[in-house]
Amino acid sequence: MVKSGQKFELEALSRRGISFITEEYMPKKLKDRDWLE
């Protein structure tokens, strides 16, 4: 179930472009420590 949720999240983000993911999304996730364990 978790794997599916992550896959859907990445598919949705891919529509915004790789620069959004690398410049905005991932840095914010890392800063906020907002990930599933």
PDB file of N, CA and C in Angstrom:
ATOM      1  N   MET A   1       0.819  -1.197   0.000  1.00  0.00           N
ATOM      2  CA  MET A   1       0.000   0.000   0.000  1.00  0.00           C
ATOM      3  C   MET A   1       0.869   1.269   0.000  1.00  0.00           C
ATOM      4  N   VAL A   2       1.891   1.302   0.838  1.00  0.00           N
ATOM      5  CA  VAL A   2       2.769   2.465   0.885  1.00  0.00           C
ATOM      6  C   VAL A   2       3.469   2.664  -0.447  1.00  0.00           C
ATOM      7  N   LYS A   3       3.917   1.575  -1.055  1.00  0.00           N
ATOM      8  CA  LYS A   3       4.596   1.684  -2.349  1.00  0.00           C
ATOM      9  C   LYS A   3       3.674   2.320  -3.380  1.00  0.00           C
ATOM     10  N   SER A   4       2.410   1.955  -3.385  1.00  0.00           N
ATOM     11  CA  SER A   4       1.461   2.542  -4.330  1.00  0.00           C
ATOM     12  C   SER A   4       1.302   4.028  -4.077  1.00  0.00           C
ATOM     13  N   GLY A   5       1.207   4.419  -2.828  1.00  0.00           N
ATOM     14  CA  GLY A   5       1.058   5.834  -2.491  1.00  0.00           C
ATOM     15  C   GLY A   5       2.247   6.652  -2.963  1.00  0.00           C
ATOM     16  N   GLN A   6       3.440   6.110  -2.798  1.00  0.00           N
ATOM     17  CA  GLN A   6       4.632   6.811  -3.249  1.00  0.00           C
ATOM     18  C   GLN A   6       4.659   6.895  -4.763  1.00  0.00           C
ATOM     19  N   LYS A   7       4.262   5.833  -5.416  1.00  0.00           N
ATOM     20  CA  LYS A   7       4.273   5.826  -6.879  1.00  0.00           C
ATOM     21  C   LYS A   7       3.295   6.868  -7.419  1.00  0.00           C
ATOM     22  N   PHE A   8       2.107   6.932  -6.855  1.00  0.00           N
ATOM     23  CA  PHE A   8       1.123   7.917  -7.305  1.00  0.00           C
ATOM     24  C   PHE A   8       1.625   9.333  -7.068  1.00  0.00           C
ATOM     25  N   GLU A   9       2.282   9.544  -5.943  1.00  0.00           N
ATOM     26  CA  GLU A   9       2.819  10.866  -5.639  1.00  0.00           C
ATOM     27  C   GLU A   9       3.873  11.253  -6.671  1.00  0.00           C
ATOM     28  N   LEU A  10       4.774  10.351  -6.994  1.00  0.00           N
ATOM     29  CA  LEU A  10       5.819  10.642  -7.978  1.00  0.00           C
ATOM     30  C   LEU A  10       5.247  10.852  -9.370  1.00  0.00           C
ATOM     31  N   GLU A  11       4.233  10.084  -9.738  1.00  0.00           N
ATOM     32  CA  GLU A  11       3.606  10.261 -11.052  1.00  0.00           C
ATOM     33  C   GLU A  11       2.947  11.634 -11.142  1.00  0.00           C
ATOM     34  N   ALA A  12       2.284  12.047 -10.082  1.00  0.00           N
ATOM     35  CA  ALA A  12       1.641  13.363 -10.081  1.00  0.00           C
ATOM     36  C   ALA A  12       2.690  14.470 -10.170  1.00  0.00           C
ATOM     37  N   LEU A  13       3.780  14.316  -9.451  1.00  0.00           N
ATOM     38  CA  LEU A  13       4.838  15.325  -9.477  1.00  0.00           C
ATOM     39  C   LEU A  13       5.549  15.382 -10.816  1.00  0.00           C
ATOM     40  N   SER A  14       5.674  14.256 -11.491  1.00  0.00           N
ATOM     41  CA  SER A  14       6.398  14.233 -12.764  1.00  0.00           C
ATOM     42  C   SER A  14       5.723  15.125 -13.803  1.00  0.00           C
ATOM     43  N   ARG A  15       4.459  15.357 -13.652  1.00  0.00           N
ATOM     44  CA  ARG A  15       3.750  16.247 -14.585  1.00  0.00           C
ATOM     45  C   ARG A  15       4.194  17.695 -14.427  1.00  0.00           C
ATOM     46  N   ARG A  16       4.711  18.044 -13.249  1.00  0.00           N
ATOM     47  CA  ARG A  16       5.165  19.416 -13.004  1.00  0.00           C
ATOM     48  C   ARG A  16       6.582  19.641 -13.506  1.00  0.00           C
ATOM     49  N   GLY A  17       7.300  18.560 -13.784  1.00  0.00           N
ATOM     50  CA  GLY A  17       8.651  18.677 -14.330  1.00  0.00           C
ATOM     51  C   GLY A  17       9.725  18.323 -13.320  1.00  0.00           C
ATOM     52  N   ILE A  18      10.854  17.895 -13.852  1.00  0.00           N
ATOM     53  CA  ILE A  18      11.964  17.455 -13.006  1.00  0.00           C
ATOM     54  C   ILE A  18      12.550  18.610 -12.208  1.00  0.00           C
ATOM     55  N   SER A  19      12.560  19.805 -12.754  1.00  0.00           N
ATOM     56  CA  SER A  19      13.132  20.937 -12.015  1.00  0.00           C
ATOM     57  C   SER A  19      12.304  21.250 -10.773  1.00  0.00           C
ATOM     58  N   PHE A  20      10.990  21.111 -10.849  1.00  0.00           N
ATOM     59  CA  PHE A  20      10.152  21.322  -9.664  1.00  0.00           C
ATOM     60  C   PHE A  20      10.505  20.309  -8.584  1.00  0.00           C
ATOM     61  N   ILE A  21      10.665  19.050  -8.987  1.00  0.00           N
ATOM     62  CA  ILE A  21      10.967  17.991  -8.017  1.00  0.00           C
ATOM     63  C   ILE A  21      12.323  18.240  -7.358  1.00  0.00           C
ATOM     64  N   THR A  22      13.340  18.554  -8.154  1.00  0.00           N
ATOM     65  CA  THR A  22      14.694  18.692  -7.606  1.00  0.00           C
ATOM     66  C   THR A  22      14.939  20.030  -6.922  1.00  0.00           C
ATOM     67  N   GLU A  23      14.262  21.082  -7.355  1.00  0.00           N
ATOM     68  CA  GLU A  23      14.530  22.410  -6.802  1.00  0.00           C
ATOM     69  C   GLU A  23      13.559  22.819  -5.699  1.00  0.00           C
ATOM     70  N   GLU A  24      12.351  22.267  -5.694  1.00  0.00           N
ATOM     71  CA  GLU A  24      11.358  22.688  -4.709  1.00  0.00           C
ATOM     72  C   GLU A  24      10.861  21.545  -3.830  1.00  0.00           C
ATOM     73  N   TYR A  25      10.363  20.496  -4.445  1.00  0.00           N
ATOM     74  CA  TYR A  25       9.696  19.428  -3.701  1.00  0.00           C
ATOM     75  C   TYR A  25      10.640  18.668  -2.769  1.00  0.00           C
ATOM     76  N   MET A  26      11.729  18.132  -3.306  1.00  0.00           N
ATOM     77  CA  MET A  26      12.644  17.330  -2.479  1.00  0.00           C
ATOM     78  C   MET A  26      13.328  18.152  -1.388  1.00  0.00           C
ATOM     79  N   PRO A  27      13.835  19.351  -1.682  1.00  0.00           N
ATOM     80  CA  PRO A  27      14.438  20.138  -0.596  1.00  0.00           C
ATOM     81  C   PRO A  27      13.452  20.422   0.545  1.00  0.00           C
ATOM     82  N   LYS A  28      12.192  20.695   0.204  1.00  0.00           N
ATOM     83  CA  LYS A  28      11.189  20.943   1.247  1.00  0.00           C
ATOM     84  C   LYS A  28      10.915  19.674   2.043  1.00  0.00           C
ATOM     85  N   LYS A  29      10.794  18.533   1.361  1.00  0.00           N
ATOM     86  CA  LYS A  29      10.571  17.256   2.053  1.00  0.00           C
ATOM     87  C   LYS A  29      11.711  16.970   3.026  1.00  0.00           C
ATOM     88  N   LEU A  30      12.949  17.181   2.578  1.00  0.00           N
ATOM     89  CA  LEU A  30      14.105  16.915   3.430  1.00  0.00           C
ATOM     90  C   LEU A  30      14.174  17.893   4.605  1.00  0.00           C
ATOM     91  N   LYS A  31      13.914  19.164   4.332  1.00  0.00           N
ATOM     92  CA  LYS A  31      13.949  20.178   5.385  1.00  0.00           C
ATOM     93  C   LYS A  31      12.902  19.892   6.452  1.00  0.00           C
ATOM     94  N   ASP A  32      11.696  19.542   6.015  1.00  0.00           N
ATOM     95  CA  ASP A  32      10.590  19.284   6.944  1.00  0.00           C
ATOM     96  C   ASP A  32      10.606  17.867   7.511  1.00  0.00           C
ATOM     97  N   ARG A  33      11.532  17.031   7.011  1.00  0.00           N
ATOM     98  CA  ARG A  33      11.608  15.614   7.404  1.00  0.00           C
ATOM     99  C   ARG A  33      10.246  14.946   7.214  1.00  0.00           C
ATOM    100  N   ASP A  34       9.626  15.250   6.067  1.00  0.00           N
ATOM    101  CA  ASP A  34       8.275  14.778   5.760  1.00  0.00           C
ATOM    102  C   ASP A  34       8.337  13.595   4.797  1.00  0.00           C
ATOM    103  N   TRP A  35       8.577  12.422   5.333  1.00  0.00           N
ATOM    104  CA  TRP A  35       8.585  11.209   4.524  1.00  0.00           C
ATOM    105  C   TRP A  35       8.043  10.055   5.348  1.00  0.00           C
ATOM    106  N   LEU A  36       7.615   9.042   4.671  1.00  0.00           N
ATOM    107  CA  LEU A  36       7.082   7.858   5.352  1.00  0.00           C
ATOM    108  C   LEU A  36       8.226   6.961   5.787  1.00  0.00           C
ATOM    109  N   GLU A  37       8.081   6.370   6.958  1.00  0.00           N
ATOM    110  CA  GLU A  37       9.112   5.447   7.439  1.00  0.00           C
ATOM    111  C   GLU A  37       8.633   4.039   7.338  1.00  0.00           C
TER     112      GLU A  37
END
